[in-house]
Amino acid sequence: MAVDIQKLKGRIVEKSKNVNDVAKEIGIDKSTLYRKIKAGGVSLTVKEVNAIAKCLQLSYDDVRTIFFKDVF
């Protein structure tokens, strides 16, 4: 899975949140989410992607372009 980290970070800021807020809302430790983002998002699970999408109120197109940028 190729994740567009810059777009993900942009959406987090647009929603007036930070990585700590997102981690808390999706139920994982903030250091875990920071590590996964720093690694380019390759270790994000489908469950985490779904939770992030819900937390940030992402559209289908947002999810596709952020989390599957090289697939489509």
PDB file of N, CA and C in Angstrom:
ATOM      1  N   MET A   1       0.855  -1.172   0.000  1.00  0.00           N
ATOM      2  CA  MET A   1       0.000   0.000   0.000  1.00  0.00           C
ATOM      3  C   MET A   1       0.898   1.230   0.000  1.00  0.00           C
ATOM      4  N   ALA A   2       0.707   2.100  -0.956  1.00  0.00           N
ATOM      5  CA  ALA A   2       1.476   3.339  -1.046  1.00  0.00           C
ATOM      6  C   ALA A   2       0.647   4.480  -0.464  1.00  0.00           C
ATOM      7  N   VAL A   3       1.139   5.082   0.585  1.00  0.00           N
ATOM      8  CA  VAL A   3       0.401   6.126   1.280  1.00  0.00           C
ATOM      9  C   VAL A   3       1.017   7.482   0.968  1.00  0.00           C
ATOM     10  N   ASP A   4       0.165   8.445   0.622  1.00  0.00           N
ATOM     11  CA  ASP A   4       0.614   9.816   0.401  1.00  0.00           C
ATOM     12  C   ASP A   4       0.600  10.519   1.767  1.00  0.00           C
ATOM     13  N   ILE A   5       1.726  10.469   2.436  1.00  0.00           N
ATOM     14  CA  ILE A   5       1.833  10.989   3.798  1.00  0.00           C
ATOM     15  C   ILE A   5       1.553  12.484   3.855  1.00  0.00           C
ATOM     16  N   GLN A   6       2.004  13.228   2.868  1.00  0.00           N
ATOM     17  CA  GLN A   6       1.773  14.675   2.868  1.00  0.00           C
ATOM     18  C   GLN A   6       0.276  14.988   2.819  1.00  0.00           C
ATOM     19  N   LYS A   7      -0.461  14.273   1.982  1.00  0.00           N
ATOM     20  CA  LYS A   7      -1.911  14.487   1.913  1.00  0.00           C
ATOM     21  C   LYS A   7      -2.579  14.086   3.225  1.00  0.00           C
ATOM     22  N   LEU A   8      -2.120  12.982   3.813  1.00  0.00           N
ATOM     23  CA  LEU A   8      -2.683  12.546   5.092  1.00  0.00           C
ATOM     24  C   LEU A   8      -2.448  13.610   6.162  1.00  0.00           C
ATOM     25  N   LYS A   9      -1.231  14.111   6.254  1.00  0.00           N
ATOM     26  CA  LYS A   9      -0.929  15.157   7.234  1.00  0.00           C
ATOM     27  C   LYS A   9      -1.747  16.410   6.960  1.00  0.00           C
ATOM     28  N   GLY A  10      -1.924  16.742   5.685  1.00  0.00           N
ATOM     29  CA  GLY A  10      -2.736  17.903   5.324  1.00  0.00           C
ATOM     30  C   GLY A  10      -4.179  17.751   5.777  1.00  0.00           C
ATOM     31  N   ARG A  11      -4.744  16.562   5.590  1.00  0.00           N
ATOM     32  CA  ARG A  11      -6.130  16.326   6.013  1.00  0.00           C
ATOM     33  C   ARG A  11      -6.258  16.395   7.535  1.00  0.00           C
ATOM     34  N   ILE A  12      -5.237  15.914   8.233  1.00  0.00           N
ATOM     35  CA  ILE A  12      -5.253  15.987   9.702  1.00  0.00           C
ATOM     36  C   ILE A  12      -5.310  17.448  10.130  1.00  0.00           C
ATOM     37  N   VAL A  13      -4.478  18.285   9.538  1.00  0.00           N
ATOM     38  CA  VAL A  13      -4.450  19.710   9.866  1.00  0.00           C
ATOM     39  C   VAL A  13      -5.769  20.376   9.476  1.00  0.00           C
ATOM     40  N   GLU A  14      -6.309  20.032   8.287  1.00  0.00           N
ATOM     41  CA  GLU A  14      -7.580  20.615   7.833  1.00  0.00           C
ATOM     42  C   GLU A  14      -8.711  20.358   8.812  1.00  0.00           C
ATOM     43  N   LYS A  15      -8.650  19.224   9.494  1.00  0.00           N
ATOM     44  CA  LYS A  15      -9.690  18.873  10.460  1.00  0.00           C
ATOM     45  C   LYS A  15      -9.376  19.388  11.862  1.00  0.00           C
ATOM     46  N   SER A  16      -8.380  20.280  11.950  1.00  0.00           N
ATOM     47  CA  SER A  16      -7.961  20.883  13.226  1.00  0.00           C
ATOM     48  C   SER A  16      -7.569  19.832  14.255  1.00  0.00           C
ATOM     49  N   LYS A  17      -6.865  18.815  13.781  1.00  0.00           N
ATOM     50  CA  LYS A  17      -6.398  17.750  14.654  1.00  0.00           C
ATOM     51  C   LYS A  17      -4.896  17.636  14.515  1.00  0.00           C
ATOM     52  N   ASN A  18      -4.303  16.800  15.362  1.00  0.00           N
ATOM     53  CA  ASN A  18      -2.901  16.445  15.217  1.00  0.00           C
ATOM     54  C   ASN A  18      -2.802  14.924  15.314  1.00  0.00           C
ATOM     55  N   VAL A  19      -1.607  14.393  15.122  1.00  0.00           N
ATOM     56  CA  VAL A  19      -1.435  12.945  15.125  1.00  0.00           C
ATOM     57  C   VAL A  19      -1.838  12.347  16.467  1.00  0.00           C
ATOM     58  N   ASN A  20      -1.570  13.066  17.558  1.00  0.00           N
ATOM     59  CA  ASN A  20      -1.984  12.574  18.873  1.00  0.00           C
ATOM     60  C   ASN A  20      -3.498  12.394  18.952  1.00  0.00           C
ATOM     61  N   ASP A  21      -4.234  13.386  18.439  1.00  0.00           N
ATOM     62  CA  ASP A  21      -5.699  13.309  18.445  1.00  0.00           C
ATOM     63  C   ASP A  21      -6.188  12.103  17.651  1.00  0.00           C
ATOM     64  N   VAL A  22      -5.618  11.925  16.461  1.00  0.00           N
ATOM     65  CA  VAL A  22      -6.039  10.823  15.593  1.00  0.00           C
ATOM     66  C   VAL A  22      -5.730   9.486  16.263  1.00  0.00           C
ATOM     67  N   ALA A  23      -4.530   9.355  16.812  1.00  0.00           N
ATOM     68  CA  ALA A  23      -4.151   8.101  17.480  1.00  0.00           C
ATOM     69  C   ALA A  23      -5.131   7.771  18.604  1.00  0.00           C
ATOM     70  N   LYS A  24      -5.456   8.764  19.401  1.00  0.00           N
ATOM     71  CA  LYS A  24      -6.392   8.550  20.513  1.00  0.00           C
ATOM     72  C   LYS A  24      -7.764   8.122  19.996  1.00  0.00           C
ATOM     73  N   GLU A  25      -8.244   8.804  18.949  1.00  0.00           N
ATOM     74  CA  GLU A  25      -9.567   8.496  18.416  1.00  0.00           C
ATOM     75  C   GLU A  25      -9.646   7.119  17.756  1.00  0.00           C
ATOM     76  N   ILE A  26      -8.531   6.648  17.173  1.00  0.00           N
ATOM     77  CA  ILE A  26      -8.586   5.338  16.513  1.00  0.00           C
ATOM     78  C   ILE A  26      -8.131   4.209  17.438  1.00  0.00           C
ATOM     79  N   GLY A  27      -7.703   4.575  18.648  1.00  0.00           N
ATOM     80  CA  GLY A  27      -7.411   3.556  19.643  1.00  0.00           C
ATOM     81  C   GLY A  27      -6.037   2.920  19.579  1.00  0.00           C
ATOM     82  N   ILE A  28      -5.041   3.686  19.088  1.00  0.00           N
ATOM     83  CA  ILE A  28      -3.674   3.167  19.131  1.00  0.00           C
ATOM     84  C   ILE A  28      -2.788   4.190  19.822  1.00  0.00           C
ATOM     85  N   ASP A  29      -1.637   3.743  20.280  1.00  0.00           N
ATOM     86  CA  ASP A  29      -0.698   4.621  20.951  1.00  0.00           C
ATOM     87  C   ASP A  29      -0.150   5.653  19.967  1.00  0.00           C
ATOM     88  N   LYS A  30       0.039   6.876  20.443  1.00  0.00           N
ATOM     89  CA  LYS A  30       0.513   7.935  19.548  1.00  0.00           C
ATOM     90  C   LYS A  30       1.886   7.606  18.965  1.00  0.00           C
ATOM     91  N   SER A  31       2.754   6.961  19.736  1.00  0.00           N
ATOM     92  CA  SER A  31       4.083   6.624  19.213  1.00  0.00           C
ATOM     93  C   SER A  31       3.980   5.592  18.089  1.00  0.00           C
ATOM     94  N   THR A  32       2.993   4.713  18.177  1.00  0.00           N
ATOM     95  CA  THR A  32       2.780   3.729  17.116  1.00  0.00           C
ATOM     96  C   THR A  32       2.352   4.416  15.828  1.00  0.00           C
ATOM     97  N   LEU A  33       1.426   5.348  15.933  1.00  0.00           N
ATOM     98  CA  LEU A  33       0.971   6.057  14.739  1.00  0.00           C
ATOM     99  C   LEU A  33       2.090   6.916  14.157  1.00  0.00           C
ATOM    100  N   TYR A  34       2.836   7.619  15.007  1.00  0.00           N
ATOM    101  CA  TYR A  34       3.974   8.400  14.520  1.00  0.00           C
ATOM    102  C   TYR A  34       4.966   7.509  13.775  1.00  0.00           C
ATOM    103  N   ARG A  35       5.265   6.336  14.329  1.00  0.00           N
ATOM    104  CA  ARG A  35       6.210   5.403  13.702  1.00  0.00           C
ATOM    105  C   ARG A  35       5.695   4.948  12.342  1.00  0.00           C
ATOM    106  N   LYS A  36       4.403   4.617  12.269  1.00  0.00           N
ATOM    107  CA  LYS A  36       3.830   4.156  11.009  1.00  0.00           C
ATOM    108  C   LYS A  36       3.828   5.256   9.955  1.00  0.00           C
ATOM    109  N   ILE A  37       3.576   6.489  10.372  1.00  0.00           N
ATOM    110  CA  ILE A  37       3.602   7.612   9.434  1.00  0.00           C
ATOM    111  C   ILE A  37       5.035   7.859   8.965  1.00  0.00           C
ATOM    112  N   LYS A  38       5.971   7.839   9.905  1.00  0.00           N
ATOM    113  CA  LYS A  38       7.376   8.066   9.545  1.00  0.00           C
ATOM    114  C   LYS A  38       7.884   7.006   8.566  1.00  0.00           C
ATOM    115  N   ALA A  39       7.360   5.797   8.687  1.00  0.00           N
ATOM    116  CA  ALA A  39       7.754   4.701   7.791  1.00  0.00           C
ATOM    117  C   ALA A  39       7.008   4.755   6.458  1.00  0.00           C
ATOM    118  N   GLY A  40       6.282   5.820   6.216  1.00  0.00           N
ATOM    119  CA  GLY A  40       5.578   5.968   4.942  1.00  0.00           C
ATOM    120  C   GLY A  40       4.204   5.334   4.925  1.00  0.00           C
ATOM    121  N   GLY A  41       3.722   4.902   6.073  1.00  0.00           N
ATOM    122  CA  GLY A  41       2.381   4.336   6.166  1.00  0.00           C
ATOM    123  C   GLY A  41       2.246   2.909   5.702  1.00  0.00           C
ATOM    124  N   VAL A  42       3.361   2.272   5.342  1.00  0.00           N
ATOM    125  CA  VAL A  42       3.281   0.923   4.771  1.00  0.00           C
ATOM    126  C   VAL A  42       2.771  -0.119   5.758  1.00  0.00           C
ATOM    127  N   SER A  43       2.881   0.139   7.051  1.00  0.00           N
ATOM    128  CA  SER A  43       2.436  -0.856   8.025  1.00  0.00           C
ATOM    129  C   SER A  43       1.047  -0.566   8.596  1.00  0.00           C
ATOM    130  N   LEU A  44       0.348   0.411   8.022  1.00  0.00           N
ATOM    131  CA  LEU A  44      -1.026   0.663   8.464  1.00  0.00           C
ATOM    132  C   LEU A  44      -1.916  -0.505   8.067  1.00  0.00           C
ATOM    133  N   THR A  45      -2.740  -0.937   8.985  1.00  0.00           N
ATOM    134  CA  THR A  45      -3.663  -2.028   8.694  1.00  0.00           C
ATOM    135  C   THR A  45      -4.936  -1.475   8.054  1.00  0.00           C
ATOM    136  N   VAL A  46      -5.706  -2.353   7.450  1.00  0.00           N
ATOM    137  CA  VAL A  46      -6.987  -1.946   6.864  1.00  0.00           C
ATOM    138  C   VAL A  46      -7.894  -1.379   7.955  1.00  0.00           C
ATOM    139  N   LYS A  47      -7.879  -1.998   9.116  1.00  0.00           N
ATOM    140  CA  LYS A  47      -8.684  -1.513  10.239  1.00  0.00           C
ATOM    141  C   LYS A  47      -8.276  -0.089  10.623  1.00  0.00           C
ATOM    142  N   GLU A  48      -6.965   0.172  10.657  1.00  0.00           N
ATOM    143  CA  GLU A  48      -6.484   1.514  11.000  1.00  0.00           C
ATOM    144  C   GLU A  48      -6.835   2.522   9.917  1.00  0.00           C
ATOM    145  N   VAL A  49      -6.716   2.129   8.662  1.00  0.00           N
ATOM    146  CA  VAL A  49      -7.087   3.018   7.553  1.00  0.00           C
ATOM    147  C   VAL A  49      -8.569   3.365   7.648  1.00  0.00           C
ATOM    148  N   ASN A  50      -9.404   2.379   7.901  1.00  0.00           N
ATOM    149  CA  ASN A  50     -10.844   2.635   8.058  1.00  0.00           C
ATOM    150  C   ASN A  50     -11.110   3.582   9.217  1.00  0.00           C
ATOM    151  N   ALA A  51     -10.415   3.376  10.332  1.00  0.00           N
ATOM    152  CA  ALA A  51     -10.612   4.223  11.507  1.00  0.00           C
ATOM    153  C   ALA A  51     -10.130   5.651  11.242  1.00  0.00           C
ATOM    154  N   ILE A  52      -9.015   5.792  10.558  1.00  0.00           N
ATOM    155  CA  ILE A  52      -8.505   7.127  10.212  1.00  0.00           C
ATOM    156  C   ILE A  52      -9.485   7.823   9.269  1.00  0.00           C
ATOM    157  N   ALA A  53      -9.981   7.101   8.289  1.00  0.00           N
ATOM    158  CA  ALA A  53     -10.948   7.673   7.338  1.00  0.00           C
ATOM    159  C   ALA A  53     -12.191   8.163   8.065  1.00  0.00           C
ATOM    160  N   LYS A  54     -12.666   7.392   9.016  1.00  0.00           N
ATOM    161  CA  LYS A  54     -13.847   7.792   9.787  1.00  0.00           C
ATOM    162  C   LYS A  54     -13.530   8.996  10.668  1.00  0.00           C
ATOM    163  N   CYS A  55     -12.390   8.954  11.344  1.00  0.00           N
ATOM    164  CA  CYS A  55     -11.971  10.033  12.233  1.00  0.00           C
ATOM    165  C   CYS A  55     -11.848  11.358  11.487  1.00  0.00           C
ATOM    166  N   LEU A  56     -11.294  11.306  10.289  1.00  0.00           N
ATOM    167  CA  LEU A  56     -11.066  12.521   9.503  1.00  0.00           C
ATOM    168  C   LEU A  56     -12.197  12.818   8.526  1.00  0.00           C
ATOM    169  N   GLN A  57     -13.232  11.983   8.536  1.00  0.00           N
ATOM    170  CA  GLN A  57     -14.386  12.135   7.651  1.00  0.00           C
ATOM    171  C   GLN A  57     -13.943  12.230   6.186  1.00  0.00           C
ATOM    172  N   LEU A  58     -13.114  11.266   5.787  1.00  0.00           N
ATOM    173  CA  LEU A  58     -12.585  11.246   4.421  1.00  0.00           C
ATOM    174  C   LEU A  58     -13.595  10.636   3.460  1.00  0.00           C
ATOM    175  N   SER A  59     -13.654  11.187   2.272  1.00  0.00           N
ATOM    176  CA  SER A  59     -14.507  10.627   1.224  1.00  0.00           C
ATOM    177  C   SER A  59     -13.815   9.407   0.624  1.00  0.00           C
ATOM    178  N   TYR A  60     -14.551   8.667  -0.186  1.00  0.00           N
ATOM    179  CA  TYR A  60     -13.964   7.514  -0.878  1.00  0.00           C
ATOM    180  C   TYR A  60     -12.768   7.958  -1.720  1.00  0.00           C
ATOM    181  N   ASP A  61     -12.923   9.074  -2.439  1.00  0.00           N
ATOM    182  CA  ASP A  61     -11.826   9.573  -3.274  1.00  0.00           C
ATOM    183  C   ASP A  61     -10.617   9.974  -2.431  1.00  0.00           C
ATOM    184  N   ASP A  62     -10.869  10.567  -1.271  1.00  0.00           N
ATOM    185  CA  ASP A  62      -9.767  10.915  -0.366  1.00  0.00           C
ATOM    186  C   ASP A  62      -9.017   9.660   0.064  1.00  0.00           C
ATOM    187  N   VAL A  63      -9.752   8.640   0.464  1.00  0.00           N
ATOM    188  CA  VAL A  63      -9.124   7.379   0.897  1.00  0.00           C
ATOM    189  C   VAL A  63      -8.307   6.793  -0.244  1.00  0.00           C
ATOM    190  N   ARG A  64      -8.873   6.781  -1.430  1.00  0.00           N
ATOM    191  CA  ARG A  64      -8.182   6.223  -2.593  1.00  0.00           C
ATOM    192  C   ARG A  64      -6.898   6.986  -2.893  1.00  0.00           C
ATOM    193  N   THR A  65      -6.956   8.316  -2.904  1.00  0.00           N
ATOM    194  CA  THR A  65      -5.775   9.092  -3.272  1.00  0.00           C
ATOM    195  C   THR A  65      -4.741   9.164  -2.154  1.00  0.00           C
ATOM    196  N   ILE A  66      -5.158   9.038  -0.906  1.00  0.00           N
ATOM    197  CA  ILE A  66      -4.205   9.090   0.206  1.00  0.00           C
ATOM    198  C   ILE A  66      -3.577   7.723   0.462  1.00  0.00           C
ATOM    199  N   PHE A  67      -4.394   6.696   0.559  1.00  0.00           N
ATOM    200  CA  PHE A  67      -3.896   5.392   1.002  1.00  0.00           C
ATOM    201  C   PHE A  67      -3.556   4.421  -0.125  1.00  0.00           C
ATOM    202  N   PHE A  68      -4.014   4.691  -1.318  1.00  0.00           N
ATOM    203  CA  PHE A  68      -3.762   3.781  -2.448  1.00  0.00           C
ATOM    204  C   PHE A  68      -3.292   4.554  -3.658  1.00  0.00           C
ATOM    205  N   LYS A  69      -2.388   5.512  -3.461  1.00  0.00           N
ATOM    206  CA  LYS A  69      -2.009   6.446  -4.537  1.00  0.00           C
ATOM    207  C   LYS A  69      -1.380   5.773  -5.745  1.00  0.00           C
ATOM    208  N   ASP A  70      -0.681   4.666  -5.561  1.00  0.00           N
ATOM    209  CA  ASP A  70      -0.045   4.001  -6.695  1.00  0.00           C
ATOM    210  C   ASP A  70      -0.861   2.846  -7.262  1.00  0.00           C
ATOM    211  N   VAL A  71      -2.012   2.582  -6.684  1.00  0.00           N
ATOM    212  CA  VAL A  71      -2.831   1.444  -7.106  1.00  0.00           C
ATOM    213  C   VAL A  71      -3.769   1.843  -8.229  1.00  0.00           C
ATOM    214  N   PHE A  72      -4.347   3.029  -8.153  1.00  0.00           N
ATOM    215  CA  PHE A  72      -5.349   3.464  -9.127  1.00  0.00           C
ATOM    216  C   PHE A  72      -4.777   4.500 -10.055  1.00  0.00           C
TER     217      PHE A  72
END
